[in-house]
N, C-alpha and C. Protein backbone atom coordinates (compact mmCIF):
# COMPACT_ATOMS: atom_id res chain seq x y z
N MET A 1 103.75 115.86 -56.24
CA MET A 1 103.62 117.26 -57.73
C MET A 1 103.08 118.25 -56.85
N SER A 2 104.11 119.23 -57.28
CA SER A 2 103.67 120.57 -56.18
C SER A 2 102.34 121.18 -56.70
N LYS A 3 101.59 121.50 -55.72
CA LYS A 3 100.25 122.42 -55.97
C LYS A 3 100.11 123.88 -55.91
N SER A 4 100.63 124.40 -56.99
CA SER A 4 100.68 125.81 -57.36
C SER A 4 99.40 126.13 -58.06
N LYS A 5 99.21 127.22 -57.59
CA LYS A 5 97.45 128.33 -57.91
C LYS A 5 97.66 128.84 -59.30
N ILE A 6 96.77 128.24 -60.45
CA ILE A 6 96.93 128.60 -61.75
C ILE A 6 95.22 128.67 -61.88
N SER A 7 95.03 129.67 -62.29
CA SER A 7 93.80 130.04 -62.32
C SER A 7 93.48 128.93 -63.97
N ILE A 8 91.39 129.27 -63.74
CA ILE A 8 91.17 128.91 -65.38
C ILE A 8 91.55 129.80 -66.09
N ASN A 9 91.45 130.48 -65.89
CA ASN A 9 91.90 132.20 -67.20
C ASN A 9 93.20 131.42 -67.87
N GLU A 10 94.10 131.33 -66.93
CA GLU A 10 95.57 131.69 -67.02
C GLU A 10 95.45 130.33 -68.34
N ILE A 11 95.19 129.14 -67.81
CA ILE A 11 94.97 127.93 -68.37
C ILE A 11 94.24 128.23 -69.67
N ASN A 12 93.40 128.36 -69.91
CA ASN A 12 92.53 128.93 -71.53
C ASN A 12 93.35 130.01 -72.09
N HIS A 13 93.88 130.74 -71.68
CA HIS A 13 94.79 131.71 -72.58
C HIS A 13 95.91 131.17 -73.06
N ALA A 14 96.73 129.77 -72.26
CA ALA A 14 97.89 129.28 -72.38
C ALA A 14 97.71 128.29 -73.75
N ILE A 15 96.21 127.68 -73.62
CA ILE A 15 96.10 126.77 -74.65
C ILE A 15 95.49 127.43 -76.17
N MET A 16 94.74 128.51 -75.64
CA MET A 16 93.80 129.37 -77.37
C MET A 16 95.32 129.97 -77.26
N PHE A 17 96.30 130.71 -76.69
CA PHE A 17 97.25 131.82 -77.83
C PHE A 17 98.72 131.57 -76.95
N GLY A 18 98.83 130.21 -76.63
CA GLY A 18 99.88 129.73 -76.32
C GLY A 18 100.97 129.45 -77.53
N ASP A 19 101.83 128.59 -77.56
CA ASP A 19 102.81 128.18 -78.44
C ASP A 19 102.19 126.43 -78.79
N LEU A 20 101.36 125.92 -77.95
CA LEU A 20 101.70 124.40 -78.14
C LEU A 20 101.60 124.30 -79.18
N SER A 21 102.33 123.14 -79.10
CA SER A 21 102.29 121.80 -80.50
C SER A 21 101.40 121.57 -80.83
N ASN A 22 100.86 120.35 -81.68
CA ASN A 22 99.76 119.63 -81.70
C ASN A 22 99.00 118.50 -80.91
N ASP A 23 101.16 117.53 -80.38
CA ASP A 23 100.89 116.64 -79.52
C ASP A 23 100.59 117.42 -78.19
N GLN A 24 100.97 118.47 -77.76
CA GLN A 24 100.92 118.65 -76.46
C GLN A 24 99.37 119.29 -76.85
N LEU A 25 98.68 119.52 -77.57
CA LEU A 25 96.93 119.82 -77.71
C LEU A 25 96.59 118.93 -77.40
N ASN A 26 96.70 117.56 -78.23
CA ASN A 26 96.41 116.21 -78.08
C ASN A 26 96.63 116.32 -76.55
N SER A 27 97.48 116.24 -75.70
CA SER A 27 97.65 115.80 -74.22
C SER A 27 96.81 116.66 -73.61
N VAL A 28 96.30 117.71 -73.98
CA VAL A 28 95.71 118.64 -73.07
C VAL A 28 94.10 117.84 -73.20
N VAL A 29 93.53 117.52 -74.53
CA VAL A 29 92.41 117.03 -74.74
C VAL A 29 92.41 114.92 -73.84
N GLN A 30 93.23 114.86 -74.39
CA GLN A 30 93.26 113.11 -72.92
C GLN A 30 93.11 113.11 -72.00
N ALA A 31 93.75 114.34 -71.22
CA ALA A 31 93.75 115.36 -69.76
C ALA A 31 92.32 115.26 -69.66
N LEU A 32 91.42 115.93 -70.41
CA LEU A 32 90.25 116.64 -70.17
C LEU A 32 89.39 115.40 -70.35
N LYS A 33 89.70 113.92 -71.17
CA LYS A 33 88.65 113.31 -71.38
C LYS A 33 88.54 112.48 -70.21
N PHE A 34 90.03 112.51 -69.58
CA PHE A 34 90.39 111.41 -68.62
C PHE A 34 89.25 112.00 -67.25
N ALA A 35 89.70 113.45 -66.94
CA ALA A 35 88.85 114.37 -65.93
C ALA A 35 87.55 114.02 -65.96
N ARG A 36 86.95 114.28 -67.23
CA ARG A 36 85.71 114.17 -67.38
C ARG A 36 85.33 112.75 -67.34
N GLY A 37 85.60 111.53 -67.72
CA GLY A 37 85.12 110.08 -67.02
C GLY A 37 85.53 109.94 -65.85
N ARG A 38 86.29 110.69 -64.91
CA ARG A 38 86.16 110.49 -63.29
C ARG A 38 85.25 111.12 -62.89
N LEU A 39 84.80 112.44 -62.99
CA LEU A 39 84.02 113.03 -62.96
C LEU A 39 82.57 112.56 -62.96
N THR A 40 82.18 111.39 -64.69
CA THR A 40 81.22 110.44 -64.59
C THR A 40 81.08 109.36 -63.46
N GLN A 41 82.33 108.87 -63.55
CA GLN A 41 81.90 108.04 -62.25
C GLN A 41 81.69 108.06 -60.98
N ALA A 42 82.18 109.39 -60.32
CA ALA A 42 81.89 109.56 -59.31
C ALA A 42 80.43 110.09 -59.29
N THR A 43 80.04 111.25 -60.06
CA THR A 43 78.53 111.13 -59.96
C THR A 43 77.74 109.63 -60.24
N ILE A 44 77.97 108.79 -60.97
CA ILE A 44 77.69 107.17 -60.98
C ILE A 44 77.29 106.79 -59.82
N TRP A 45 78.75 106.79 -58.92
CA TRP A 45 78.57 105.78 -57.95
C TRP A 45 77.51 106.61 -56.50
N THR A 46 77.38 107.62 -56.51
CA THR A 46 76.42 108.38 -55.49
C THR A 46 74.84 107.91 -56.18
N MET A 47 74.53 108.15 -57.27
CA MET A 47 73.70 107.19 -57.44
C MET A 47 72.62 106.05 -57.17
N ARG A 48 71.78 106.19 -56.72
CA ARG A 48 70.98 104.75 -56.64
C ARG A 48 68.80 104.78 -57.28
N LEU A 49 69.49 103.61 -57.36
CA LEU A 49 67.73 103.40 -58.15
C LEU A 49 66.73 104.05 -57.20
N GLY A 50 65.90 105.14 -58.20
CA GLY A 50 64.55 105.94 -57.47
C GLY A 50 65.52 107.06 -56.71
N ASP A 51 66.31 107.40 -56.86
CA ASP A 51 67.15 108.91 -56.62
C ASP A 51 65.96 110.34 -57.44
N GLN A 52 66.02 111.27 -57.21
CA GLN A 52 65.29 112.05 -57.78
C GLN A 52 66.57 112.97 -57.79
N VAL A 53 66.38 113.12 -59.42
CA VAL A 53 67.78 113.84 -60.06
C VAL A 53 67.07 115.13 -61.00
N LYS A 54 68.32 116.14 -61.51
CA LYS A 54 67.54 117.07 -62.01
C LYS A 54 69.05 117.76 -63.12
N PHE A 55 68.35 117.65 -63.94
CA PHE A 55 69.15 118.31 -65.41
C PHE A 55 68.46 119.46 -66.34
N VAL A 56 69.07 119.86 -67.53
CA VAL A 56 68.78 120.82 -67.99
C VAL A 56 68.79 119.83 -69.47
N ASN A 57 67.59 119.64 -69.63
CA ASN A 57 67.21 118.99 -71.15
C ASN A 57 68.11 120.03 -72.16
N LYS A 58 67.47 119.24 -73.79
CA LYS A 58 67.56 119.81 -75.13
C LYS A 58 67.70 121.16 -75.06
N GLN A 59 65.76 121.46 -74.72
CA GLN A 59 65.24 122.82 -75.21
C GLN A 59 65.91 123.74 -74.01
N GLY A 60 66.38 123.44 -72.90
CA GLY A 60 67.21 124.46 -72.09
C GLY A 60 66.16 124.27 -71.11
N ARG A 61 65.71 123.85 -70.67
CA ARG A 61 64.72 123.45 -69.75
C ARG A 61 65.03 122.74 -68.56
N MET A 62 64.68 122.99 -67.57
CA MET A 62 65.21 122.25 -65.85
C MET A 62 64.31 121.21 -65.84
N GLU A 63 64.59 119.82 -66.06
CA GLU A 63 63.43 118.28 -65.62
C GLU A 63 63.95 117.92 -64.38
N THR A 64 62.94 117.24 -64.38
CA THR A 64 63.24 116.73 -62.78
C THR A 64 62.47 115.51 -62.72
N GLY A 65 63.63 114.69 -62.42
CA GLY A 65 62.92 112.92 -62.10
C GLY A 65 63.16 111.39 -61.50
N SER A 66 63.01 110.79 -61.57
CA SER A 66 63.51 109.54 -60.52
C SER A 66 64.53 108.75 -61.78
N VAL A 67 65.59 107.86 -61.29
CA VAL A 67 66.77 107.22 -61.95
C VAL A 67 65.90 106.09 -62.02
N THR A 68 65.72 105.50 -63.58
CA THR A 68 65.48 104.21 -63.35
C THR A 68 66.47 102.67 -63.66
N LYS A 69 67.50 103.69 -64.21
CA LYS A 69 68.79 102.69 -64.91
C LYS A 69 69.97 103.57 -64.83
N ILE A 70 71.05 102.65 -64.05
CA ILE A 70 72.31 103.41 -64.33
C ILE A 70 73.39 102.40 -65.06
N ALA A 71 73.73 103.31 -66.11
CA ALA A 71 74.90 102.38 -66.50
C ALA A 71 76.20 102.94 -66.78
N LYS A 72 77.42 102.67 -67.72
CA LYS A 72 78.73 103.18 -67.76
C LYS A 72 78.83 104.86 -67.80
N LYS A 73 77.94 105.00 -68.79
CA LYS A 73 77.99 106.50 -68.67
C LYS A 73 76.59 107.33 -68.95
N TYR A 74 76.31 106.55 -68.73
CA TYR A 74 74.08 107.26 -68.72
C TYR A 74 73.37 106.83 -67.59
N VAL A 75 72.60 107.59 -67.66
CA VAL A 75 71.46 107.26 -66.65
C VAL A 75 70.07 107.75 -67.17
N THR A 76 69.49 106.49 -66.92
CA THR A 76 67.85 106.63 -67.67
C THR A 76 67.21 107.60 -66.38
N VAL A 77 66.50 108.21 -66.49
CA VAL A 77 65.57 109.58 -65.76
C VAL A 77 63.94 109.26 -66.24
N LYS A 78 63.58 108.67 -65.19
CA LYS A 78 61.86 109.47 -65.66
C LYS A 78 61.16 110.00 -65.31
N CYS A 79 60.97 110.99 -66.07
CA CYS A 79 60.27 112.08 -65.78
C CYS A 79 58.80 112.14 -66.60
N GLY A 80 57.66 112.26 -65.18
CA GLY A 80 56.45 112.18 -65.90
C GLY A 80 56.05 110.68 -67.18
N PHE A 81 55.73 111.42 -67.80
CA PHE A 81 55.54 109.98 -68.84
C PHE A 81 56.80 109.88 -69.76
N THR A 82 57.91 110.61 -69.60
CA THR A 82 58.61 110.82 -70.55
C THR A 82 60.33 110.20 -70.20
N GLN A 83 60.86 109.31 -70.90
CA GLN A 83 62.08 108.78 -70.15
C GLN A 83 63.15 109.04 -70.93
N TRP A 84 64.04 109.90 -70.10
CA TRP A 84 65.54 110.42 -70.68
C TRP A 84 66.78 109.91 -70.58
N ARG A 85 67.97 109.39 -71.39
CA ARG A 85 68.82 108.90 -71.35
C ARG A 85 69.93 109.99 -70.87
N VAL A 86 70.51 110.22 -69.79
CA VAL A 86 71.50 111.24 -69.57
C VAL A 86 72.46 111.60 -68.98
N PRO A 87 73.46 111.96 -69.92
CA PRO A 87 74.94 111.77 -69.47
C PRO A 87 75.21 111.86 -67.88
N ALA A 88 75.72 111.67 -67.26
CA ALA A 88 76.06 111.19 -65.57
C ALA A 88 76.32 112.43 -65.15
N ASN A 89 77.32 113.29 -66.04
CA ASN A 89 77.95 114.71 -65.75
C ASN A 89 76.98 115.22 -65.62
N MET A 90 75.77 115.38 -66.40
CA MET A 90 74.89 116.39 -66.41
C MET A 90 73.86 116.28 -65.56
N LEU A 91 73.75 115.25 -64.58
CA LEU A 91 73.04 115.06 -63.68
C LEU A 91 73.05 116.01 -61.97
N GLU A 92 71.63 115.92 -61.53
CA GLU A 92 72.36 116.42 -59.93
C GLU A 92 71.48 116.21 -58.98
N LYS A 93 71.67 116.00 -57.73
CA LYS A 93 70.49 115.38 -56.62
C LYS A 93 69.39 116.62 -56.53
N ALA A 94 68.14 115.94 -56.58
CA ALA A 94 67.32 116.96 -56.66
C ALA A 94 66.85 117.30 -55.01
N ALA A 95 66.69 118.35 -54.76
CA ALA A 95 66.82 118.43 -52.89
C ALA A 95 65.64 118.27 -52.32
């Protein structure tokens, strides 16, 4: 596969204003889901119980806590007295 430089803006423009068929748009959606799944798995593979992580909660505030459980797509994070079930792709390791 040839690696040509295509900017994200060009991709967005082609999706939003191009004349893609429904099948082509469905293909784009499936590719995005696949890529997101790979990112999730890559994040989970780097996590260990007890790791300090951070994420933005539903109210838009940054939360920091420790990993207590790791599942296929979600990680349970304990922040003080609260536990959050967070999608792995929303987590970052805390410094």
